[in-house]
Amino acid sequence: LYDGSISYWQGSNESNLWGTVYTAHFFVEAKKAGFYIDENVLSKLLSYLNKKVKEKNTYDYVTFSNNKKTIIKIAQKEIIYALYVLALADNGDISTMNYYKSMPQLLTNDTKYLLAGAYALMEKRNSFAELIPNNFNQELTERQSGGCFDSNIRANAIMLNVLLEVDPSNLQIRVIVKYLSQNFENIYST
């Protein structure tokens, strides 16, 4: 779209933040792998994300524990994912990252991994170590068909993706892979 964002549906003029972050992530990974990426398009995507991360939006998040549903206020997951992708693109926003690091009550398990990964990508290993959990705790959330398209599988797969990128020898990787493979029947889409 005109502002550098991506719409979810072809022909729509409405930005989709998750789709924009995901597209930027895909472009950064493709570029790292040696594929041609239009630098102008990538630059516009990253510029849009740089603006969005400063908004510091929150929302009501549904999580489950011991068969109990809980609603808490958290940081918009798209924002934390954008911070990770910006760091991956060598365009990190340390001041916004520091804001979220100072507000741990706004982070879920998967966003802790994303924020920790952003620090690791920016060579801030102490902050990575402070944020990354010592043990894997699965993220159990309500499945969403919009917003950040959250689900148990998506949230936990993102945690795995971060570890594979920034800490490939982390012992949690085996545990997360096992969890995801045992829950394979719950994968509904790409």
C-alpha atoms as a PDB file:
ATOM      1  CA  LEU A   1       0.000   0.000   0.000  1.00  0.00           C
ATOM      2  CA  TYR A   2       1.026   3.680  -0.229  1.00  0.00           C
ATOM      3  CA  ASP A   3       2.472   3.666   3.313  1.00  0.00           C
ATOM      4  CA  GLY A   4       4.645   0.565   2.792  1.00  0.00           C
ATOM      5  CA  SER A   5       2.272  -1.853   4.502  1.00  0.00           C
ATOM      6  CA  ILE A   6       0.658  -4.954   3.052  1.00  0.00           C
ATOM      7  CA  SER A   7      -3.073  -5.615   2.891  1.00  0.00           C
ATOM      8  CA  TYR A   8      -4.346  -9.063   3.708  1.00  0.00           C
ATOM      9  CA  TRP A   9      -6.694  -9.298   0.747  1.00  0.00           C
ATOM     10  CA  GLN A  10      -5.807  -8.411  -2.821  1.00  0.00           C
ATOM     11  CA  GLY A  11      -7.364  -5.088  -3.809  1.00  0.00           C
ATOM     12  CA  SER A  12      -7.957  -4.024  -0.199  1.00  0.00           C
ATOM     13  CA  ASN A  13      -6.708  -0.662   0.997  1.00  0.00           C
ATOM     14  CA  GLU A  14      -6.626  -1.730   4.652  1.00  0.00           C
ATOM     15  CA  SER A  15      -3.219  -2.475   6.202  1.00  0.00           C
ATOM     16  CA  ASN A  16      -2.650  -5.781   7.959  1.00  0.00           C
ATOM     17  CA  LEU A  17       0.160  -5.432  10.465  1.00  0.00           C
ATOM     18  CA  TRP A  18       0.798  -9.166  10.948  1.00  0.00           C
ATOM     19  CA  GLY A  19       0.856  -9.714   7.190  1.00  0.00           C
ATOM     20  CA  THR A  20       3.251  -6.796   6.801  1.00  0.00           C
ATOM     21  CA  VAL A  21       5.638  -8.113   9.457  1.00  0.00           C
ATOM     22  CA  TYR A  22       5.435 -11.634   8.024  1.00  0.00           C
ATOM     23  CA  THR A  23       6.141 -10.320   4.511  1.00  0.00           C
ATOM     24  CA  ALA A  24       9.109  -8.308   5.754  1.00  0.00           C
ATOM     25  CA  HIS A  25      10.413 -11.397   7.583  1.00  0.00           C
ATOM     26  CA  PHE A  26      10.038 -13.479   4.435  1.00  0.00           C
ATOM     27  CA  PHE A  27      11.866 -10.827   2.353  1.00  0.00           C
ATOM     28  CA  VAL A  28      14.739 -10.561   4.855  1.00  0.00           C
ATOM     29  CA  GLU A  29      15.146 -14.348   4.944  1.00  0.00           C
ATOM     30  CA  ALA A  30      14.988 -14.585   1.138  1.00  0.00           C
ATOM     31  CA  LYS A  31      17.602 -11.845   0.800  1.00  0.00           C
ATOM     32  CA  LYS A  32      19.881 -13.656   3.281  1.00  0.00           C
ATOM     33  CA  ALA A  33      19.482 -16.801   1.175  1.00  0.00           C
ATOM     34  CA  GLY A  34      20.671 -14.938  -1.927  1.00  0.00           C
ATOM     35  CA  PHE A  35      17.368 -14.326  -3.686  1.00  0.00           C
ATOM     36  CA  TYR A  36      16.714 -11.049  -5.447  1.00  0.00           C
ATOM     37  CA  ILE A  37      14.556  -8.745  -3.333  1.00  0.00           C
ATOM     38  CA  ASP A  38      13.407  -5.332  -4.517  1.00  0.00           C
ATOM     39  CA  GLU A  39      15.261  -3.071  -2.075  1.00  0.00           C
ATOM     40  CA  ASN A  40      12.698  -0.290  -2.496  1.00  0.00           C
ATOM     41  CA  VAL A  41       9.857  -2.581  -1.410  1.00  0.00           C
ATOM     42  CA  LEU A  42      11.855  -3.947   1.530  1.00  0.00           C
ATOM     43  CA  SER A  43      12.864  -0.436   2.579  1.00  0.00           C
ATOM     44  CA  LYS A  44       9.216   0.685   2.575  1.00  0.00           C
ATOM     45  CA  LEU A  45       8.181  -2.369   4.604  1.00  0.00           C
ATOM     46  CA  LEU A  46      10.882  -1.726   7.195  1.00  0.00           C
ATOM     47  CA  SER A  47      10.082   1.990   7.333  1.00  0.00           C
ATOM     48  CA  TYR A  48       6.421   1.185   8.000  1.00  0.00           C
ATOM     49  CA  LEU A  49       7.415  -1.256  10.767  1.00  0.00           C
ATOM     50  CA  ASN A  50       9.776   1.315  12.307  1.00  0.00           C
ATOM     51  CA  LYS A  51       6.807   3.657  12.692  1.00  0.00           C
ATOM     52  CA  LYS A  52       4.407   0.998  13.994  1.00  0.00           C
ATOM     53  CA  VAL A  53       6.679  -0.321  16.766  1.00  0.00           C
ATOM     54  CA  LYS A  54       6.666   3.069  18.431  1.00  0.00           C
ATOM     55  CA  GLU A  55       2.877   2.925  18.958  1.00  0.00           C
ATOM     56  CA  LYS A  56       3.198   0.519  21.906  1.00  0.00           C
ATOM     57  CA  ASN A  57      -0.332  -0.857  21.504  1.00  0.00           C
ATOM     58  CA  THR A  58      -1.796  -3.447  23.865  1.00  0.00           C
ATOM     59  CA  TYR A  59      -4.821  -5.736  23.718  1.00  0.00           C
ATOM     60  CA  ASP A  60      -6.749  -8.287  25.774  1.00  0.00           C
ATOM     61  CA  TYR A  61      -5.119 -11.696  25.421  1.00  0.00           C
ATOM     62  CA  VAL A  62      -6.778 -15.023  26.172  1.00  0.00           C
ATOM     63  CA  THR A  63      -4.601 -17.754  27.639  1.00  0.00           C
ATOM     64  CA  PHE A  64      -5.343 -21.134  29.227  1.00  0.00           C
ATOM     65  CA  SER A  65      -3.801 -22.800  32.266  1.00  0.00           C
ATOM     66  CA  ASN A  66      -5.145 -25.759  34.257  1.00  0.00           C
ATOM     67  CA  ASN A  67      -8.354 -25.699  32.187  1.00  0.00           C
ATOM     68  CA  LYS A  68      -8.860 -22.082  33.222  1.00  0.00           C
ATOM     69  CA  LYS A  69      -9.301 -19.226  30.766  1.00  0.00           C
ATOM     70  CA  THR A  70      -7.555 -15.973  31.706  1.00  0.00           C
ATOM     71  CA  ILE A  71      -7.634 -12.592  29.981  1.00  0.00           C
ATOM     72  CA  ILE A  72      -4.660 -10.290  30.457  1.00  0.00           C
ATOM     73  CA  LYS A  73      -3.457  -7.066  28.842  1.00  0.00           C
ATOM     74  CA  ILE A  74      -0.358  -7.645  26.691  1.00  0.00           C
ATOM     75  CA  ALA A  75       1.751  -5.871  24.103  1.00  0.00           C
ATOM     76  CA  GLN A  76       0.413  -6.235  20.583  1.00  0.00           C
ATOM     77  CA  LYS A  77       2.207  -9.352  19.307  1.00  0.00           C
ATOM     78  CA  GLU A  78       2.673  -7.812  15.865  1.00  0.00           C
ATOM     79  CA  ILE A  79       4.791  -5.053  17.446  1.00  0.00           C
ATOM     80  CA  ILE A  80       7.152  -7.463  19.202  1.00  0.00           C
ATOM     81  CA  TYR A  81       7.426  -9.568  16.031  1.00  0.00           C
ATOM     82  CA  ALA A  82       8.227  -6.374  14.105  1.00  0.00           C
ATOM     83  CA  LEU A  83      11.017  -5.539  16.577  1.00  0.00           C
ATOM     84  CA  TYR A  84      12.506  -8.980  15.889  1.00  0.00           C
ATOM     85  CA  VAL A  85      12.262  -8.606  12.107  1.00  0.00           C
ATOM     86  CA  LEU A  86      13.763  -5.102  12.241  1.00  0.00           C
ATOM     87  CA  ALA A  87      16.730  -6.476  14.207  1.00  0.00           C
ATOM     88  CA  LEU A  88      17.035  -9.336  11.704  1.00  0.00           C
ATOM     89  CA  ALA A  89      17.239  -6.701   8.951  1.00  0.00           C
ATOM     90  CA  ASP A  90      20.004  -4.813  10.837  1.00  0.00           C
ATOM     91  CA  ASN A  91      17.521  -2.044  11.549  1.00  0.00           C
ATOM     92  CA  GLY A  92      16.763  -2.640  15.248  1.00  0.00           C
ATOM     93  CA  ASP A  93      15.013  -0.186  17.556  1.00  0.00           C
ATOM     94  CA  ILE A  94      16.810  -0.554  20.873  1.00  0.00           C
ATOM     95  CA  SER A  95      14.817   2.144  22.700  1.00  0.00           C
ATOM     96  CA  THR A  96      11.472   0.452  21.972  1.00  0.00           C
ATOM     97  CA  MET A  97      12.992  -2.928  22.806  1.00  0.00           C
ATOM     98  CA  ASN A  98      14.176  -1.512  26.140  1.00  0.00           C
ATOM     99  CA  TYR A  99      10.665  -0.220  26.833  1.00  0.00           C
ATOM    100  CA  TYR A 100       9.196  -3.716  26.459  1.00  0.00           C
ATOM    101  CA  LYS A 101      12.051  -5.291  28.379  1.00  0.00           C
ATOM    102  CA  SER A 102      11.163  -2.968  31.280  1.00  0.00           C
ATOM    103  CA  MET A 103       7.482  -4.048  31.030  1.00  0.00           C
ATOM    104  CA  PRO A 104       7.679  -7.869  31.329  1.00  0.00           C
ATOM    105  CA  GLN A 105       4.012  -8.082  32.341  1.00  0.00           C
ATOM    106  CA  LEU A 106       3.168  -7.113  28.743  1.00  0.00           C
ATOM    107  CA  LEU A 107       5.049 -10.107  27.301  1.00  0.00           C
ATOM    108  CA  THR A 108       3.820 -13.634  26.640  1.00  0.00           C
ATOM    109  CA  ASN A 109       6.126 -16.640  26.304  1.00  0.00           C
ATOM    110  CA  ASP A 110       6.397 -16.267  22.528  1.00  0.00           C
ATOM    111  CA  THR A 111       6.965 -12.505  22.627  1.00  0.00           C
ATOM    112  CA  LYS A 112       9.690 -12.994  25.257  1.00  0.00           C
ATOM    113  CA  TYR A 113      11.514 -15.190  22.744  1.00  0.00           C
ATOM    114  CA  LEU A 114      10.981 -12.649  19.946  1.00  0.00           C
ATOM    115  CA  LEU A 115      12.259  -9.763  22.057  1.00  0.00           C
ATOM    116  CA  ALA A 116      15.183 -11.828  23.352  1.00  0.00           C
ATOM    117  CA  GLY A 117      15.976 -12.813  19.768  1.00  0.00           C
ATOM    118  CA  ALA A 118      15.959  -9.164  18.709  1.00  0.00           C
ATOM    119  CA  TYR A 119      18.542  -8.410  21.391  1.00  0.00           C
ATOM    120  CA  ALA A 120      20.682 -11.380  20.324  1.00  0.00           C
ATOM    121  CA  LEU A 121      20.591 -10.213  16.698  1.00  0.00           C
ATOM    122  CA  MET A 122      21.838  -6.820  17.888  1.00  0.00           C
ATOM    123  CA  GLU A 123      24.695  -8.478  19.810  1.00  0.00           C
ATOM    124  CA  LYS A 124      23.125  -7.689  23.204  1.00  0.00           C
ATOM    125  CA  ARG A 125      23.639 -11.170  24.649  1.00  0.00           C
ATOM    126  CA  ASN A 126      23.120 -10.084  28.269  1.00  0.00           C
ATOM    127  CA  SER A 127      19.627  -8.825  27.458  1.00  0.00           C
ATOM    128  CA  PHE A 128      18.997 -12.019  25.475  1.00  0.00           C
ATOM    129  CA  ALA A 129      19.973 -14.095  28.523  1.00  0.00           C
ATOM    130  CA  GLU A 130      17.781 -11.993  30.833  1.00  0.00           C
ATOM    131  CA  LEU A 131      14.685 -12.469  28.683  1.00  0.00           C
ATOM    132  CA  ILE A 132      14.935 -15.992  27.313  1.00  0.00           C
ATOM    133  CA  PRO A 133      13.282 -18.487  29.659  1.00  0.00           C
ATOM    134  CA  ASN A 134      15.544 -21.220  31.068  1.00  0.00           C
ATOM    135  CA  ASN A 135      12.971 -23.879  30.234  1.00  0.00           C
ATOM    136  CA  PHE A 136      10.310 -24.256  27.589  1.00  0.00           C
ATOM    137  CA  ASN A 137       6.781 -23.420  28.732  1.00  0.00           C
ATOM    138  CA  GLN A 138       4.307 -23.835  25.937  1.00  0.00           C
ATOM    139  CA  GLU A 139       2.153 -20.863  25.063  1.00  0.00           C
ATOM    140  CA  LEU A 140      -1.499 -21.906  25.302  1.00  0.00           C
ATOM    141  CA  THR A 141      -3.686 -19.338  23.638  1.00  0.00           C
ATOM    142  CA  GLU A 142      -6.979 -18.932  21.896  1.00  0.00           C
ATOM    143  CA  ARG A 143      -6.840 -19.527  18.143  1.00  0.00           C
ATOM    144  CA  GLN A 144      -7.433 -16.340  16.119  1.00  0.00           C
ATOM    145  CA  SER A 145      -8.381 -15.976  12.470  1.00  0.00           C
ATOM    146  CA  GLY A 146      -7.310 -12.321  12.389  1.00  0.00           C
ATOM    147  CA  GLY A 147      -5.036  -9.907  14.215  1.00  0.00           C
ATOM    148  CA  CYS A 148      -1.827 -11.815  14.894  1.00  0.00           C
ATOM    149  CA  PHE A 149      -3.387 -15.131  13.750  1.00  0.00           C
ATOM    150  CA  ASP A 150      -2.456 -16.603  17.100  1.00  0.00           C
ATOM    151  CA  SER A 151      -2.661 -20.269  17.993  1.00  0.00           C
ATOM    152  CA  ASN A 152      -0.775 -22.654  20.245  1.00  0.00           C
ATOM    153  CA  ILE A 153       1.133 -24.028  17.281  1.00  0.00           C
ATOM    154  CA  ARG A 154       1.988 -20.621  15.783  1.00  0.00           C
ATOM    155  CA  ALA A 155       3.130 -19.159  19.091  1.00  0.00           C
ATOM    156  CA  ASN A 156       5.340 -22.129  19.956  1.00  0.00           C
ATOM    157  CA  ALA A 157       6.705 -22.437  16.400  1.00  0.00           C
ATOM    158  CA  ILE A 158       7.822 -18.799  16.595  1.00  0.00           C
ATOM    159  CA  MET A 159       9.718 -19.602  19.781  1.00  0.00           C
ATOM    160  CA  LEU A 160      11.457 -22.430  17.932  1.00  0.00           C
ATOM    161  CA  ASN A 161      12.232 -20.199  14.952  1.00  0.00           C
ATOM    162  CA  VAL A 162      13.895 -17.605  17.178  1.00  0.00           C
ATOM    163  CA  LEU A 163      16.084 -20.182  18.919  1.00  0.00           C
ATOM    164  CA  LEU A 164      17.127 -21.747  15.622  1.00  0.00           C
ATOM    165  CA  GLU A 165      18.158 -18.300  14.360  1.00  0.00           C
ATOM    166  CA  VAL A 166      20.021 -16.922  17.384  1.00  0.00           C
ATOM    167  CA  ASP A 167      20.894 -19.884  19.642  1.00  0.00           C
ATOM    168  CA  PRO A 168      20.899 -23.102  17.558  1.00  0.00           C
ATOM    169  CA  SER A 169      22.520 -25.168  20.316  1.00  0.00           C
ATOM    170  CA  ASN A 170      19.866 -24.267  22.894  1.00  0.00           C
ATOM    171  CA  LEU A 171      18.574 -27.395  24.634  1.00  0.00           C
ATOM    172  CA  GLN A 172      14.984 -26.129  24.464  1.00  0.00           C
ATOM    173  CA  ILE A 173      14.949 -26.749  20.712  1.00  0.00           C
ATOM    174  CA  ARG A 174      14.485 -30.501  21.140  1.00  0.00           C
ATOM    175  CA  VAL A 175      11.678 -29.986  23.630  1.00  0.00           C
ATOM    176  CA  ILE A 176       9.839 -27.509  21.387  1.00  0.00           C
ATOM    177  CA  VAL A 177      10.221 -29.759  18.341  1.00  0.00           C
ATOM    178  CA  LYS A 178       8.813 -32.653  20.358  1.00  0.00           C
ATOM    179  CA  TYR A 179       5.895 -30.509  21.571  1.00  0.00           C
ATOM    180  CA  LEU A 180       5.093 -29.319  18.048  1.00  0.00           C
ATOM    181  CA  SER A 181       5.365 -32.802  16.526  1.00  0.00           C
ATOM    182  CA  GLN A 182       3.064 -34.225  19.213  1.00  0.00           C
ATOM    183  CA  ASN A 183       0.507 -31.525  18.381  1.00  0.00           C
ATOM    184  CA  PHE A 184       0.782 -31.845  14.622  1.00  0.00           C
ATOM    185  CA  GLU A 185      -2.921 -32.625  14.263  1.00  0.00           C
ATOM    186  CA  ASN A 186      -3.689 -29.094  15.497  1.00  0.00           C
ATOM    187  CA  ILE A 187      -2.010 -27.398  12.545  1.00  0.00           C
ATOM    188  CA  TYR A 188      -4.839 -25.900  10.510  1.00  0.00           C
ATOM    189  CA  SER A 189      -3.060 -23.773   7.918  1.00  0.00           C
ATOM    190  CA  THR A 190       0.323 -22.611   6.738  1.00  0.00           C
END
